[in-house]
Amino acid sequence: NVLTSFNLIYDVHLPIVVSWRGHDGNDAVEH
């Protein structure tokens, strides 16, 4: 939601690095 506001309302764009926990289905259920 914050990123959407930054992009659409304030025209602030960010480069973001994100970990991909749970991509293979072998992590904690919430991940």
All heavy atoms as atom14 arrays in JSON, in Angstrom:
{
  "sequence": "NVLTSFNLIYDVHLPIVVSWRGHDGNDAVEH",
  "atom14_mask": [
    [1, 1, 1, 1, 1, 1, 1, 1, 0, 0, 0, 0, 0, 0],
    [1, 1, 1, 1, 1, 1, 1, 0, 0, 0, 0, 0, 0, 0],
    [1, 1, 1, 1, 1, 1, 1, 1, 0, 0, 0, 0, 0, 0],
    [1, 1, 1, 1, 1, 1, 1, 0, 0, 0, 0, 0, 0, 0],
    [1, 1, 1, 1, 1, 1, 0, 0, 0, 0, 0, 0, 0, 0],
    [1, 1, 1, 1, 1, 1, 1, 1, 1, 1, 1, 0, 0, 0],
    [1, 1, 1, 1, 1, 1, 1, 1, 0, 0, 0, 0, 0, 0],
    [1, 1, 1, 1, 1, 1, 1, 1, 0, 0, 0, 0, 0, 0],
    [1, 1, 1, 1, 1, 1, 1, 1, 0, 0, 0, 0, 0, 0],
    [1, 1, 1, 1, 1, 1, 1, 1, 1, 1, 1, 1, 0, 0],
    [1, 1, 1, 1, 1, 1, 1, 1, 0, 0, 0, 0, 0, 0],
    [1, 1, 1, 1, 1, 1, 1, 0, 0, 0, 0, 0, 0, 0],
    [1, 1, 1, 1, 1, 1, 1, 1, 1, 1, 0, 0, 0, 0],
    [1, 1, 1, 1, 1, 1, 1, 1, 0, 0, 0, 0, 0, 0],
    [1, 1, 1, 1, 1, 1, 1, 0, 0, 0, 0, 0, 0, 0],
    [1, 1, 1, 1, 1, 1, 1, 1, 0, 0, 0, 0, 0, 0],
    [1, 1, 1, 1, 1, 1, 1, 0, 0, 0, 0, 0, 0, 0],
    [1, 1, 1, 1, 1, 1, 1, 0, 0, 0, 0, 0, 0, 0],
    [1, 1, 1, 1, 1, 1, 0, 0, 0, 0, 0, 0, 0, 0],
    [1, 1, 1, 1, 1, 1, 1, 1, 1, 1, 1, 1, 1, 1],
    [1, 1, 1, 1, 1, 1, 1, 1, 1, 1, 1, 0, 0, 0],
    [1, 1, 1, 1, 0, 0, 0, 0, 0, 0, 0, 0, 0, 0],
    [1, 1, 1, 1, 1, 1, 1, 1, 1, 1, 0, 0, 0, 0],
    [1, 1, 1, 1, 1, 1, 1, 1, 0, 0, 0, 0, 0, 0],
    [1, 1, 1, 1, 0, 0, 0, 0, 0, 0, 0, 0, 0, 0],
    [1, 1, 1, 1, 1, 1, 1, 1, 0, 0, 0, 0, 0, 0],
    [1, 1, 1, 1, 1, 1, 1, 1, 0, 0, 0, 0, 0, 0],
    [1, 1, 1, 1, 1, 0, 0, 0, 0, 0, 0, 0, 0, 0],
    [1, 1, 1, 1, 1, 1, 1, 0, 0, 0, 0, 0, 0, 0],
    [1, 1, 1, 1, 1, 1, 1, 1, 1, 0, 0, 0, 0, 0],
    [1, 1, 1, 1, 1, 1, 1, 1, 1, 1, 0, 0, 0, 0]
  ],
  "atom14_positions": [
    [[0.83, -1.2, 0.0], [0.0, 0.0, 0.0], [0.87, 1.25, 0.0], [0.59, 2.21, -0.72], [-0.95, 0.0, 1.2], [-1.93, 1.14, 1.12], [-2.57, 1.35, 0.1], [-2.04, 1.89, 2.21], [0.0, 0.0, 0.0], [0.0, 0.0, 0.0], [0.0, 0.0, 0.0], [0.0, 0.0, 0.0], [0.0, 0.0, 0.0], [0.0, 0.0, 0.0]],
    [[1.92, 1.26, 0.8], [2.83, 2.41, 0.85], [3.52, 2.59, -0.5], [3.63, 3.71, -1.01], [3.88, 2.22, 1.97], [4.93, 3.3, 1.91], [3.19, 2.19, 3.32], [0.0, 0.0, 0.0], [0.0, 0.0, 0.0], [0.0, 0.0, 0.0], [0.0, 0.0, 0.0], [0.0, 0.0, 0.0], [0.0, 0.0, 0.0], [0.0, 0.0, 0.0]],
    [[3.98, 1.49, -1.1], [4.64, 1.58, -2.41], [3.7, 2.13, -3.46], [4.09, 2.93, -4.31], [5.17, 0.21, -2.84], [6.34, -0.32, -2.02], [6.68, -1.74, -2.46], [7.54, 0.59, -2.15], [0.0, 0.0, 0.0], [0.0, 0.0, 0.0], [0.0, 0.0, 0.0], [0.0, 0.0, 0.0], [0.0, 0.0, 0.0], [0.0, 0.0, 0.0]],
    [[2.44, 1.71, -3.42], [1.45, 2.22, -4.36], [1.27, 3.72, -4.19], [1.23, 4.47, -5.16], [0.1, 1.49, -4.18], [0.32, 0.1, -4.38], [-0.94, 1.99, -5.15], [0.0, 0.0, 0.0], [0.0, 0.0, 0.0], [0.0, 0.0, 0.0], [0.0, 0.0, 0.0], [0.0, 0.0, 0.0], [0.0, 0.0, 0.0], [0.0, 0.0, 0.0]],
    [[1.21, 4.18, -2.94], [1.09, 5.62, -2.69], [2.32, 6.36, -3.17], [2.21, 7.41, -3.81], [0.9, 5.88, -1.19], [-0.32, 5.34, -0.75], [0.0, 0.0, 0.0], [0.0, 0.0, 0.0], [0.0, 0.0, 0.0], [0.0, 0.0, 0.0], [0.0, 0.0, 0.0], [0.0, 0.0, 0.0], [0.0, 0.0, 0.0], [0.0, 0.0, 0.0]],
    [[3.5, 5.83, -2.86], [4.73, 6.47, -3.34], [4.73, 6.6, -4.85], [5.06, 7.66, -5.39], [5.96, 5.66, -2.92], [6.47, 5.93, -1.53], [7.52, 5.19, -1.03], [5.9, 6.89, -0.71], [8.01, 5.41, 0.25], [6.37, 7.12, 0.57], [7.43, 6.38, 1.05], [0.0, 0.0, 0.0], [0.0, 0.0, 0.0], [0.0, 0.0, 0.0]],
    [[4.35, 5.53, -5.54], [4.38, 5.53, -7.01], [3.33, 6.44, -7.62], [3.64, 7.26, -8.48], [4.18, 4.11, -7.55], [5.37, 3.22, -7.32], [6.49, 3.67, -7.25], [5.11, 1.94, -7.19], [0.0, 0.0, 0.0], [0.0, 0.0, 0.0], [0.0, 0.0, 0.0], [0.0, 0.0, 0.0], [0.0, 0.0, 0.0], [0.0, 0.0, 0.0]],
    [[2.09, 6.28, -7.21], [0.98, 6.95, -7.88], [0.74, 8.38, -7.4], [0.4, 9.25, -8.19], [-0.3, 6.14, -7.71], [-0.28, 4.74, -8.34], [-1.56, 3.99, -8.01], [-0.07, 4.83, -9.83], [0.0, 0.0, 0.0], [0.0, 0.0, 0.0], [0.0, 0.0, 0.0], [0.0, 0.0, 0.0], [0.0, 0.0, 0.0], [0.0, 0.0, 0.0]],
    [[0.9, 8.63, -6.13], [0.57, 9.94, -5.58], [1.79, 10.86, -5.54], [1.72, 12.01, -5.96], [-0.03, 9.8, -4.17], [-1.34, 9.01, -4.25], [-0.25, 11.17, -3.54], [-1.91, 8.61, -2.92], [0.0, 0.0, 0.0], [0.0, 0.0, 0.0], [0.0, 0.0, 0.0], [0.0, 0.0, 0.0], [0.0, 0.0, 0.0], [0.0, 0.0, 0.0]],
    [[2.91, 10.32, -5.07], [4.08, 11.17, -4.84], [5.16, 11.03, -5.92], [6.16, 11.74, -5.87], [4.68, 10.86, -3.47], [3.69, 11.09, -2.36], [3.15, 10.03, -1.66], [3.26, 12.38, -2.04], [2.23, 10.24, -0.64], [2.34, 12.6, -1.03], [1.82, 11.52, -0.33], [0.9, 11.72, 0.65], [0.0, 0.0, 0.0], [0.0, 0.0, 0.0]],
    [[4.97, 10.13, -6.86], [5.91, 9.92, -7.96], [7.32, 9.6, -7.43], [8.32, 10.06, -7.96], [5.94, 11.13, -8.89], [6.48, 10.78, -10.27], [6.31, 9.62, -10.71], [7.1, 11.66, -10.9], [0.0, 0.0, 0.0], [0.0, 0.0, 0.0], [0.0, 0.0, 0.0], [0.0, 0.0, 0.0], [0.0, 0.0, 0.0], [0.0, 0.0, 0.0]],
    [[7.38, 8.8, -6.37], [8.64, 8.33, -5.79], [8.77, 6.86, -6.15], [7.88, 6.06, -5.86], [8.66, 8.5, -4.26], [9.9, 7.87, -3.65], [8.54, 9.97, -3.89], [0.0, 0.0, 0.0], [0.0, 0.0, 0.0], [0.0, 0.0, 0.0], [0.0, 0.0, 0.0], [0.0, 0.0, 0.0], [0.0, 0.0, 0.0], [0.0, 0.0, 0.0]],
    [[9.87, 6.5, -6.79], [10.08, 5.13, -7.26], [11.36, 4.58, -6.65], [12.36, 5.28, -6.58], [10.14, 5.12, -8.78], [8.96, 5.79, -9.39], [7.72, 5.21, -9.43], [8.82, 7.02, -9.94], [6.86, 6.04, -10.01], [7.5, 7.15, -10.32], [0.0, 0.0, 0.0], [0.0, 0.0, 0.0], [0.0, 0.0, 0.0], [0.0, 0.0, 0.0]],
    [[11.3, 3.33, -6.22], [12.39, 2.74, -5.47], [12.92, 1.47, -6.12], [12.13, 0.67, -6.62], [11.91, 2.39, -4.06], [11.24, 3.5, -3.27], [10.55, 2.93, -2.04], [12.26, 4.53, -2.88], [0.0, 0.0, 0.0], [0.0, 0.0, 0.0], [0.0, 0.0, 0.0], [0.0, 0.0, 0.0], [0.0, 0.0, 0.0], [0.0, 0.0, 0.0]],
    [[14.21, 1.25, -6.06], [14.75, -0.07, -6.38], [14.72, -0.9, -5.09], [15.19, -0.45, -4.05], [16.19, 0.23, -6.82], [16.55, 1.46, -6.06], [15.27, 2.24, -5.88], [0.0, 0.0, 0.0], [0.0, 0.0, 0.0], [0.0, 0.0, 0.0], [0.0, 0.0, 0.0], [0.0, 0.0, 0.0], [0.0, 0.0, 0.0], [0.0, 0.0, 0.0]],
    [[14.13, -2.08, -5.15], [13.95, -2.87, -3.94], [14.54, -4.27, -4.15], [14.29, -4.9, -5.19], [12.45, -3.0, -3.59], [11.85, -1.61, -3.37], [12.25, -3.87, -2.36], [10.34, -1.62, -3.19], [0.0, 0.0, 0.0], [0.0, 0.0, 0.0], [0.0, 0.0, 0.0], [0.0, 0.0, 0.0], [0.0, 0.0, 0.0], [0.0, 0.0, 0.0]],
    [[15.29, -4.74, -3.18], [15.81, -6.1, -3.18], [15.01, -6.89, -2.14], [14.9, -6.47, -0.99], [17.32, -6.13, -2.84], [17.83, -7.57, -2.81], [18.11, -5.3, -3.85], [0.0, 0.0, 0.0], [0.0, 0.0, 0.0], [0.0, 0.0, 0.0], [0.0, 0.0, 0.0], [0.0, 0.0, 0.0], [0.0, 0.0, 0.0], [0.0, 0.0, 0.0]],
    [[14.43, -8.01, -2.59], [13.53, -8.79, -1.75], [13.99, -10.25, -1.7], [14.3, -10.83, -2.74], [12.08, -8.73, -2.31], [11.15, -9.64, -1.54], [11.56, -7.31, -2.29], [0.0, 0.0, 0.0], [0.0, 0.0, 0.0], [0.0, 0.0, 0.0], [0.0, 0.0, 0.0], [0.0, 0.0, 0.0], [0.0, 0.0, 0.0], [0.0, 0.0, 0.0]],
    [[13.99, -10.82, -0.5], [14.28, -12.25, -0.38], [13.04, -13.03, -0.82], [11.92, -12.54, -0.74], [14.63, -12.6, 1.07], [13.48, -12.44, 1.9], [0.0, 0.0, 0.0], [0.0, 0.0, 0.0], [0.0, 0.0, 0.0], [0.0, 0.0, 0.0], [0.0, 0.0, 0.0], [0.0, 0.0, 0.0], [0.0, 0.0, 0.0], [0.0, 0.0, 0.0]],
    [[13.26, -14.27, -1.29], [12.14, -15.08, -1.76], [12.0, -16.32, -0.92], [12.23, -17.43, -1.35], [12.34, -15.43, -3.22], [11.08, -15.86, -3.92], [9.83, -16.0, -3.37], [10.93, -16.2, -5.29], [8.93, -16.38, -4.32], [9.59, -16.52, -5.51], [11.82, -16.26, -6.35], [9.11, -16.9, -6.75], [11.34, -16.64, -7.58], [9.99, -16.95, -7.78]],
    [[11.62, -16.13, 0.33], [11.39, -17.26, 1.21], [10.12, -17.98, 0.79], [9.14, -17.36, 0.39], [11.27, -16.79, 2.65], [12.58, -16.22, 3.16], [12.57, -16.0, 4.63], [12.36, -17.26, 5.34], [12.24, -17.33, 6.66], [12.3, -16.24, 7.38], [12.06, -18.48, 7.26], [0.0, 0.0, 0.0], [0.0, 0.0, 0.0], [0.0, 0.0, 0.0]],
    [[10.13, -19.29, 0.87], [8.95, -20.08, 0.58], [8.67, -20.31, -0.88], [7.64, -20.89, -1.23], [0.0, 0.0, 0.0], [0.0, 0.0, 0.0], [0.0, 0.0, 0.0], [0.0, 0.0, 0.0], [0.0, 0.0, 0.0], [0.0, 0.0, 0.0], [0.0, 0.0, 0.0], [0.0, 0.0, 0.0], [0.0, 0.0, 0.0], [0.0, 0.0, 0.0]],
    [[9.56, -19.9, -1.77], [9.29, -20.07, -3.21], [9.2, -21.54, -3.61], [8.54, -21.87, -4.59], [10.36, -19.37, -4.05], [11.71, -19.99, -3.97], [12.11, -20.97, -4.81], [12.72, -19.76, -3.11], [13.34, -21.34, -4.49], [13.73, -20.61, -3.45], [0.0, 0.0, 0.0], [0.0, 0.0, 0.0], [0.0, 0.0, 0.0], [0.0, 0.0, 0.0]],
    [[9.85, -22.41, -2.85], [9.86, -23.83, -3.2], [8.91, -24.65, -2.34], [8.86, -25.87, -2.47], [11.28, -24.38, -3.1], [11.88, -24.21, -1.71], [11.2, -23.68, -0.8], [13.05, -24.59, -1.53], [0.0, 0.0, 0.0], [0.0, 0.0, 0.0], [0.0, 0.0, 0.0], [0.0, 0.0, 0.0], [0.0, 0.0, 0.0], [0.0, 0.0, 0.0]],
    [[8.15, -24.0, -1.46], [7.19, -24.7, -0.61], [7.82, -25.46, 0.54], [7.16, -26.28, 1.17], [0.0, 0.0, 0.0], [0.0, 0.0, 0.0], [0.0, 0.0, 0.0], [0.0, 0.0, 0.0], [0.0, 0.0, 0.0], [0.0, 0.0, 0.0], [0.0, 0.0, 0.0], [0.0, 0.0, 0.0], [0.0, 0.0, 0.0], [0.0, 0.0, 0.0]],
    [[9.08, -25.17, 0.84], [9.77, -25.88, 1.92], [10.2, -24.95, 3.04], [11.29, -25.05, 3.56], [11.01, -26.6, 1.36], [10.64, -27.75, 0.46], [9.69, -28.47, 0.73], [11.38, -27.92, -0.62], [0.0, 0.0, 0.0], [0.0, 0.0, 0.0], [0.0, 0.0, 0.0], [0.0, 0.0, 0.0], [0.0, 0.0, 0.0], [0.0, 0.0, 0.0]],
    [[9.34, -24.03, 3.4], [9.66, -23.05, 4.45], [8.53, -23.1, 5.47], [7.61, -23.92, 5.36], [9.79, -21.66, 3.83], [10.71, -20.74, 4.62], [10.66, -20.77, 5.87], [11.48, -19.99, 4.0], [0.0, 0.0, 0.0], [0.0, 0.0, 0.0], [0.0, 0.0, 0.0], [0.0, 0.0, 0.0], [0.0, 0.0, 0.0], [0.0, 0.0, 0.0]],
    [[8.56, -22.21, 6.42], [7.45, -22.09, 7.36], [6.19, -21.74, 6.56], [6.26, -21.05, 5.55], [7.75, -21.0, 8.38], [0.0, 0.0, 0.0], [0.0, 0.0, 0.0], [0.0, 0.0, 0.0], [0.0, 0.0, 0.0], [0.0, 0.0, 0.0], [0.0, 0.0, 0.0], [0.0, 0.0, 0.0], [0.0, 0.0, 0.0], [0.0, 0.0, 0.0]],
    [[5.07, -22.24, 7.0], [3.83, -22.13, 6.23], [3.5, -20.68, 5.86], [3.02, -20.41, 4.76], [2.66, -22.82, 6.96], [2.24, -22.05, 8.19], [1.5, -23.04, 6.01], [0.0, 0.0, 0.0], [0.0, 0.0, 0.0], [0.0, 0.0, 0.0], [0.0, 0.0, 0.0], [0.0, 0.0, 0.0], [0.0, 0.0, 0.0], [0.0, 0.0, 0.0]],
    [[3.77, -19.73, 6.76], [3.46, -18.33, 6.44], [4.35, -17.8, 5.33], [3.95, -16.91, 4.59], [3.56, -17.45, 7.69], [4.94, -17.27, 8.26], [5.36, -18.35, 9.26], [4.71, -19.41, 9.33], [6.36, -18.12, 9.96], [0.0, 0.0, 0.0], [0.0, 0.0, 0.0], [0.0, 0.0, 0.0], [0.0, 0.0, 0.0], [0.0, 0.0, 0.0]],
    [[5.53, -18.35, 5.17], [6.41, -17.94, 4.07], [6.04, -18.65, 2.78], [6.22, -18.1, 1.69], [7.88, -18.2, 4.41], [8.35, -17.43, 5.6], [8.41, -16.05, 5.61], [8.76, -17.83, 6.81], [8.85, -15.65, 6.79], [9.06, -16.7, 7.53], [0.0, 0.0, 0.0], [0.0, 0.0, 0.0], [0.0, 0.0, 0.0], [0.0, 0.0, 0.0]]
  ]
}
